[in-house]
Amino acid sequence: MPKLKTKSGAKKRFKVTGTGKIKHKRAFKNHILTKKETKQKRRLGNKSLVKKSDMNNVKAMLIL
């Protein structure tokens, strides 16, 4: 059976931590920022962990 390739888009968007959790960038921080509050923009700048319900899908894309 041939080796499975990881999804290129997932490779660019997700990082695996040392403990095996997966980090991702939050959405909605690219444009139309004038109508968003400063607090919201600051929060969106931080990385966050992938939800438990999405973990299996992301791992399958990354071939973990």
PDB file of N, CA and C in Angstrom:
ATOM      1  N   MET A   1       0.843  -1.182   0.000  1.00  0.00           N
ATOM      2  CA  MET A   1       0.000   0.000   0.000  1.00  0.00           C
ATOM      3  C   MET A   1       0.889   1.247   0.000  1.00  0.00           C
ATOM      4  N   PRO A   2       0.599   2.243  -0.856  1.00  0.00           N
ATOM      5  CA  PRO A   2       1.452   3.431  -0.911  1.00  0.00           C
ATOM      6  C   PRO A   2       1.283   4.327   0.311  1.00  0.00           C
ATOM      7  N   LYS A   3       2.279   5.183   0.524  1.00  0.00           N
ATOM      8  CA  LYS A   3       2.193   6.141   1.631  1.00  0.00           C
ATOM      9  C   LYS A   3       1.074   7.139   1.355  1.00  0.00           C
ATOM     10  N   LEU A   4       0.408   7.588   2.415  1.00  0.00           N
ATOM     11  CA  LEU A   4      -0.637   8.594   2.277  1.00  0.00           C
ATOM     12  C   LEU A   4      -0.021   9.979   2.388  1.00  0.00           C
ATOM     13  N   LYS A   5      -0.440  10.879   1.538  1.00  0.00           N
ATOM     14  CA  LYS A   5       0.051  12.251   1.598  1.00  0.00           C
ATOM     15  C   LYS A   5      -0.812  13.064   2.557  1.00  0.00           C
ATOM     16  N   THR A   6      -0.189  14.001   3.266  1.00  0.00           N
ATOM     17  CA  THR A   6      -0.962  14.914   4.105  1.00  0.00           C
ATOM     18  C   THR A   6      -1.585  15.972   3.206  1.00  0.00           C
ATOM     19  N   LYS A   7      -2.709  16.516   3.639  1.00  0.00           N
ATOM     20  CA  LYS A   7      -3.372  17.572   2.882  1.00  0.00           C
ATOM     21  C   LYS A   7      -2.537  18.848   2.995  1.00  0.00           C
ATOM     22  N   SER A   8      -2.189  19.446   1.867  1.00  0.00           N
ATOM     23  CA  SER A   8      -1.314  20.622   1.862  1.00  0.00           C
ATOM     24  C   SER A   8      -1.922  21.789   2.621  1.00  0.00           C
ATOM     25  N   GLY A   9      -3.238  21.993   2.466  1.00  0.00           N
ATOM     26  CA  GLY A   9      -3.898  23.097   3.164  1.00  0.00           C
ATOM     27  C   GLY A   9      -3.869  22.914   4.664  1.00  0.00           C
ATOM     28  N   ALA A  10      -4.069  21.684   5.126  1.00  0.00           N
ATOM     29  CA  ALA A  10      -4.050  21.401   6.564  1.00  0.00           C
ATOM     30  C   ALA A  10      -2.646  21.576   7.123  1.00  0.00           C
ATOM     31  N   LYS A  11      -1.656  21.200   6.346  1.00  0.00           N
ATOM     32  CA  LYS A  11      -0.261  21.320   6.764  1.00  0.00           C
ATOM     33  C   LYS A  11       0.091  22.782   7.065  1.00  0.00           C
ATOM     34  N   LYS A  12      -0.473  23.703   6.274  1.00  0.00           N
ATOM     35  CA  LYS A  12      -0.193  25.124   6.443  1.00  0.00           C
ATOM     36  C   LYS A  12      -1.006  25.749   7.578  1.00  0.00           C
ATOM     37  N   ARG A  13      -2.154  25.177   7.899  1.00  0.00           N
ATOM     38  CA  ARG A  13      -3.080  25.824   8.833  1.00  0.00           C
ATOM     39  C   ARG A  13      -3.011  25.323  10.265  1.00  0.00           C
ATOM     40  N   PHE A  14      -2.463  24.133  10.487  1.00  0.00           N
ATOM     41  CA  PHE A  14      -2.462  23.536  11.823  1.00  0.00           C
ATOM     42  C   PHE A  14      -1.048  23.219  12.282  1.00  0.00           C
ATOM     43  N   LYS A  15      -0.830  23.340  13.606  1.00  0.00           N
ATOM     44  CA  LYS A  15       0.435  22.960  14.217  1.00  0.00           C
ATOM     45  C   LYS A  15       0.134  22.007  15.373  1.00  0.00           C
ATOM     46  N   VAL A  16       0.964  20.984  15.522  1.00  0.00           N
ATOM     47  CA  VAL A  16       0.782  20.022  16.597  1.00  0.00           C
ATOM     48  C   VAL A  16       1.700  20.416  17.749  1.00  0.00           C
ATOM     49  N   THR A  17       1.150  20.477  18.962  1.00  0.00           N
ATOM     50  CA  THR A  17       1.942  20.828  20.140  1.00  0.00           C
ATOM     51  C   THR A  17       2.708  19.597  20.609  1.00  0.00           C
ATOM     52  N   GLY A  18       3.567  19.790  21.587  1.00  0.00           N
ATOM     53  CA  GLY A  18       4.354  18.686  22.127  1.00  0.00           C
ATOM     54  C   GLY A  18       3.502  17.628  22.794  1.00  0.00           C
ATOM     55  N   THR A  19       2.361  18.028  23.342  1.00  0.00           N
ATOM     56  CA  THR A  19       1.488  17.069  24.024  1.00  0.00           C
ATOM     57  C   THR A  19       0.490  16.409  23.069  1.00  0.00           C
ATOM     58  N   GLY A  20       0.540  16.772  21.780  1.00  0.00           N
ATOM     59  CA  GLY A  20      -0.339  16.135  20.801  1.00  0.00           C
ATOM     60  C   GLY A  20      -1.610  16.902  20.492  1.00  0.00           C
ATOM     61  N   LYS A  21      -1.787  18.058  21.117  1.00  0.00           N
ATOM     62  CA  LYS A  21      -2.946  18.881  20.801  1.00  0.00           C
ATOM     63  C   LYS A  21      -2.668  19.639  19.511  1.00  0.00           C
ATOM     64  N   ILE A  22      -3.717  20.150  18.883  1.00  0.00           N
ATOM     65  CA  ILE A  22      -3.558  20.828  17.596  1.00  0.00           C
ATOM     66  C   ILE A  22      -4.008  22.276  17.728  1.00  0.00           C
ATOM     67  N   LYS A  23      -3.132  23.212  17.309  1.00  0.00           N
ATOM     68  CA  LYS A  23      -3.425  24.638  17.356  1.00  0.00           C
ATOM     69  C   LYS A  23      -3.844  25.118  15.972  1.00  0.00           C
ATOM     70  N   HIS A  24      -4.664  26.173  15.949  1.00  0.00           N
ATOM     71  CA  HIS A  24      -5.060  26.784  14.679  1.00  0.00           C
ATOM     72  C   HIS A  24      -5.270  28.275  14.881  1.00  0.00           C
ATOM     73  N   LYS A  25      -5.239  29.021  13.785  1.00  0.00           N
ATOM     74  CA  LYS A  25      -5.487  30.458  13.814  1.00  0.00           C
ATOM     75  C   LYS A  25      -6.999  30.674  13.780  1.00  0.00           C
ATOM     76  N   ARG A  26      -7.466  31.706  14.479  1.00  0.00           N
ATOM     77  CA  ARG A  26      -8.901  31.991  14.480  1.00  0.00           C
ATOM     78  C   ARG A  26      -9.319  32.691  13.194  1.00  0.00           C
ATOM     79  N   ALA A  27     -10.562  32.528  12.838  1.00  0.00           N
ATOM     80  CA  ALA A  27     -11.099  33.153  11.627  1.00  0.00           C
ATOM     81  C   ALA A  27     -11.560  34.583  11.922  1.00  0.00           C
ATOM     82  N   PHE A  28     -11.954  35.299  10.878  1.00  0.00           N
ATOM     83  CA  PHE A  28     -12.559  36.642  10.951  1.00  0.00           C
ATOM     84  C   PHE A  28     -11.586  37.738  11.383  1.00  0.00           C
ATOM     85  N   LYS A  29     -10.311  37.639  11.051  1.00  0.00           N
ATOM     86  CA  LYS A  29      -9.353  38.685  11.411  1.00  0.00           C
ATOM     87  C   LYS A  29      -8.654  39.220  10.160  1.00  0.00           C
ATOM     88  N   ASN A  30      -9.236  39.033   8.969  1.00  0.00           N
ATOM     89  CA  ASN A  30      -8.555  39.435   7.742  1.00  0.00           C
ATOM     90  C   ASN A  30      -8.992  40.788   7.199  1.00  0.00           C
ATOM     91  N   HIS A  31     -10.275  41.048   7.133  1.00  0.00           N
ATOM     92  CA  HIS A  31     -10.736  42.315   6.570  1.00  0.00           C
ATOM     93  C   HIS A  31     -12.042  42.727   7.231  1.00  0.00           C
ATOM     94  N   ILE A  32     -12.513  43.926   6.879  1.00  0.00           N
ATOM     95  CA  ILE A  32     -13.694  44.538   7.509  1.00  0.00           C
ATOM     96  C   ILE A  32     -13.484  44.593   9.027  1.00  0.00           C
ATOM     97  N   LEU A  33     -12.328  45.152   9.420  1.00  0.00           N
ATOM     98  CA  LEU A  33     -11.991  45.200  10.839  1.00  0.00           C
ATOM     99  C   LEU A  33     -12.508  46.460  11.522  1.00  0.00           C
ATOM    100  N   THR A  34     -12.977  47.436  10.739  1.00  0.00           N
ATOM    101  CA  THR A  34     -13.409  48.696  11.341  1.00  0.00           C
ATOM    102  C   THR A  34     -14.662  48.532  12.186  1.00  0.00           C
ATOM    103  N   LYS A  35     -15.523  47.620  11.826  1.00  0.00           N
ATOM    104  CA  LYS A  35     -16.762  47.441  12.590  1.00  0.00           C
ATOM    105  C   LYS A  35     -16.616  46.482  13.768  1.00  0.00           C
ATOM    106  N   LYS A  36     -15.451  45.866  13.907  1.00  0.00           N
ATOM    107  CA  LYS A  36     -15.231  44.941  15.021  1.00  0.00           C
ATOM    108  C   LYS A  36     -14.564  45.681  16.175  1.00  0.00           C
ATOM    109  N   GLU A  37     -14.946  45.313  17.393  1.00  0.00           N
ATOM    110  CA  GLU A  37     -14.395  45.957  18.576  1.00  0.00           C
ATOM    111  C   GLU A  37     -12.933  45.574  18.767  1.00  0.00           C
ATOM    112  N   THR A  38     -12.194  46.446  19.430  1.00  0.00           N
ATOM    113  CA  THR A  38     -10.779  46.203  19.686  1.00  0.00           C
ATOM    114  C   THR A  38     -10.581  44.922  20.478  1.00  0.00           C
ATOM    115  N   LYS A  39     -11.452  44.712  21.448  1.00  0.00           N
ATOM    116  CA  LYS A  39     -11.367  43.508  22.284  1.00  0.00           C
ATOM    117  C   LYS A  39     -11.519  42.250  21.436  1.00  0.00           C
ATOM    118  N   GLN A  40     -12.454  42.274  20.494  1.00  0.00           N
ATOM    119  CA  GLN A  40     -12.690  41.122  19.623  1.00  0.00           C
ATOM    120  C   GLN A  40     -11.473  40.870  18.731  1.00  0.00           C
ATOM    121  N   LYS A  41     -10.916  41.935  18.160  1.00  0.00           N
ATOM    122  CA  LYS A  41      -9.756  41.795  17.275  1.00  0.00           C
ATOM    123  C   LYS A  41      -8.550  41.255  18.038  1.00  0.00           C
ATOM    124  N   ARG A  42      -8.387  41.713  19.264  1.00  0.00           N
ATOM    125  CA  ARG A  42      -7.282  41.238  20.096  1.00  0.00           C
ATOM    126  C   ARG A  42      -7.439  39.748  20.392  1.00  0.00           C
ATOM    127  N   ARG A  43      -8.656  39.339  20.695  1.00  0.00           N
ATOM    128  CA  ARG A  43      -8.930  37.923  20.981  1.00  0.00           C
ATOM    129  C   ARG A  43      -8.700  37.054  19.748  1.00  0.00           C
ATOM    130  N   LEU A  44      -9.085  37.572  18.584  1.00  0.00           N
ATOM    131  CA  LEU A  44      -8.936  36.805  17.352  1.00  0.00           C
ATOM    132  C   LEU A  44      -7.474  36.655  16.934  1.00  0.00           C
ATOM    133  N   GLY A  45      -6.603  37.505  17.465  1.00  0.00           N
ATOM    134  CA  GLY A  45      -5.189  37.408  17.123  1.00  0.00           C
ATOM    135  C   GLY A  45      -4.508  36.211  17.742  1.00  0.00           C
ATOM    136  N   ASN A  46      -5.085  35.655  18.804  1.00  0.00           N
ATOM    137  CA  ASN A  46      -4.481  34.528  19.514  1.00  0.00           C
ATOM    138  C   ASN A  46      -4.777  33.214  18.819  1.00  0.00           C
ATOM    139  N   LYS A  47      -3.847  32.281  18.945  1.00  0.00           N
ATOM    140  CA  LYS A  47      -4.082  30.925  18.449  1.00  0.00           C
ATOM    141  C   LYS A  47      -5.001  30.212  19.442  1.00  0.00           C
ATOM    142  N   SER A  48      -5.709  29.189  18.971  1.00  0.00           N
ATOM    143  CA  SER A  48      -6.542  28.420  19.883  1.00  0.00           C
ATOM    144  C   SER A  48      -6.436  26.948  19.521  1.00  0.00           C
ATOM    145  N   LEU A  49      -6.911  26.107  20.409  1.00  0.00           N
ATOM    146  CA  LEU A  49      -6.847  24.660  20.191  1.00  0.00           C
ATOM    147  C   LEU A  49      -8.069  24.190  19.419  1.00  0.00           C
ATOM    148  N   VAL A  50      -7.868  23.153  18.634  1.00  0.00           N
ATOM    149  CA  VAL A  50      -8.973  22.560  17.870  1.00  0.00           C
ATOM    150  C   VAL A  50      -9.923  21.883  18.848  1.00  0.00           C
ATOM    151  N   LYS A  51     -11.219  22.017  18.611  1.00  0.00           N
ATOM    152  CA  LYS A  51     -12.232  21.409  19.469  1.00  0.00           C
ATOM    153  C   LYS A  51     -12.140  19.880  19.400  1.00  0.00           C
ATOM    154  N   LYS A  52     -12.572  19.253  20.471  1.00  0.00           N
ATOM    155  CA  LYS A  52     -12.506  17.793  20.569  1.00  0.00           C
ATOM    156  C   LYS A  52     -13.316  17.124  19.457  1.00  0.00           C
ATOM    157  N   SER A  53     -14.448  17.735  19.079  1.00  0.00           N
ATOM    158  CA  SER A  53     -15.311  17.150  18.056  1.00  0.00           C
ATOM    159  C   SER A  53     -14.678  17.182  16.668  1.00  0.00           C
ATOM    160  N   ASP A  54     -13.748  18.133  16.426  1.00  0.00           N
ATOM    161  CA  ASP A  54     -13.091  18.238  15.125  1.00  0.00           C
ATOM    162  C   ASP A  54     -11.738  17.542  15.083  1.00  0.00           C
ATOM    163  N   MET A  55     -11.281  17.057  16.214  1.00  0.00           N
ATOM    164  CA  MET A  55      -9.929  16.518  16.323  1.00  0.00           C
ATOM    165  C   MET A  55      -9.674  15.353  15.365  1.00  0.00           C
ATOM    166  N   ASN A  56     -10.619  14.431  15.250  1.00  0.00           N
ATOM    167  CA  ASN A  56     -10.412  13.267  14.374  1.00  0.00           C
ATOM    168  C   ASN A  56     -10.292  13.671  12.915  1.00  0.00           C
ATOM    169  N   ASN A  57     -11.100  14.643  12.481  1.00  0.00           N
ATOM    170  CA  ASN A  57     -11.026  15.098  11.089  1.00  0.00           C
ATOM    171  C   ASN A  57      -9.672  15.747  10.801  1.00  0.00           C
ATOM    172  N   VAL A  58      -9.202  16.580  11.701  1.00  0.00           N
ATOM    173  CA  VAL A  58      -7.929  17.273  11.491  1.00  0.00           C
ATOM    174  C   VAL A  58      -6.775  16.272  11.505  1.00  0.00           C
ATOM    175  N   LYS A  59      -6.817  15.320  12.430  1.00  0.00           N
ATOM    176  CA  LYS A  59      -5.761  14.305  12.486  1.00  0.00           C
ATOM    177  C   LYS A  59      -5.719  13.484  11.219  1.00  0.00           C
ATOM    178  N   ALA A  60      -6.880  13.213  10.647  1.00  0.00           N
ATOM    179  CA  ALA A  60      -6.917  12.450   9.400  1.00  0.00           C
ATOM    180  C   ALA A  60      -6.294  13.260   8.249  1.00  0.00           C
ATOM    181  N   MET A  61      -6.507  14.574   8.247  1.00  0.00           N
ATOM    182  CA  MET A  61      -5.910  15.415   7.215  1.00  0.00           C
ATOM    183  C   MET A  61      -4.397  15.512   7.364  1.00  0.00           C
ATOM    184  N   LEU A  62      -3.931  15.472   8.624  1.00  0.00           N
ATOM    185  CA  LEU A  62      -2.498  15.564   8.895  1.00  0.00           C
ATOM    186  C   LEU A  62      -1.818  14.203   8.908  1.00  0.00           C
ATOM    187  N   ILE A  63      -2.588  13.140   8.818  1.00  0.00           N
ATOM    188  CA  ILE A  63      -2.109  11.749   8.890  1.00  0.00           C
ATOM    189  C   ILE A  63      -1.289  11.539  10.173  1.00  0.00           C
ATOM    190  N   LEU A  64      -1.941  11.715  11.334  1.00  0.00           N
ATOM    191  CA  LEU A  64      -1.279  11.503  12.619  1.00  0.00           C
ATOM    192  C   LEU A  64      -1.619  10.138  13.176  1.00  0.00           C
TER     193      LEU A  64
END
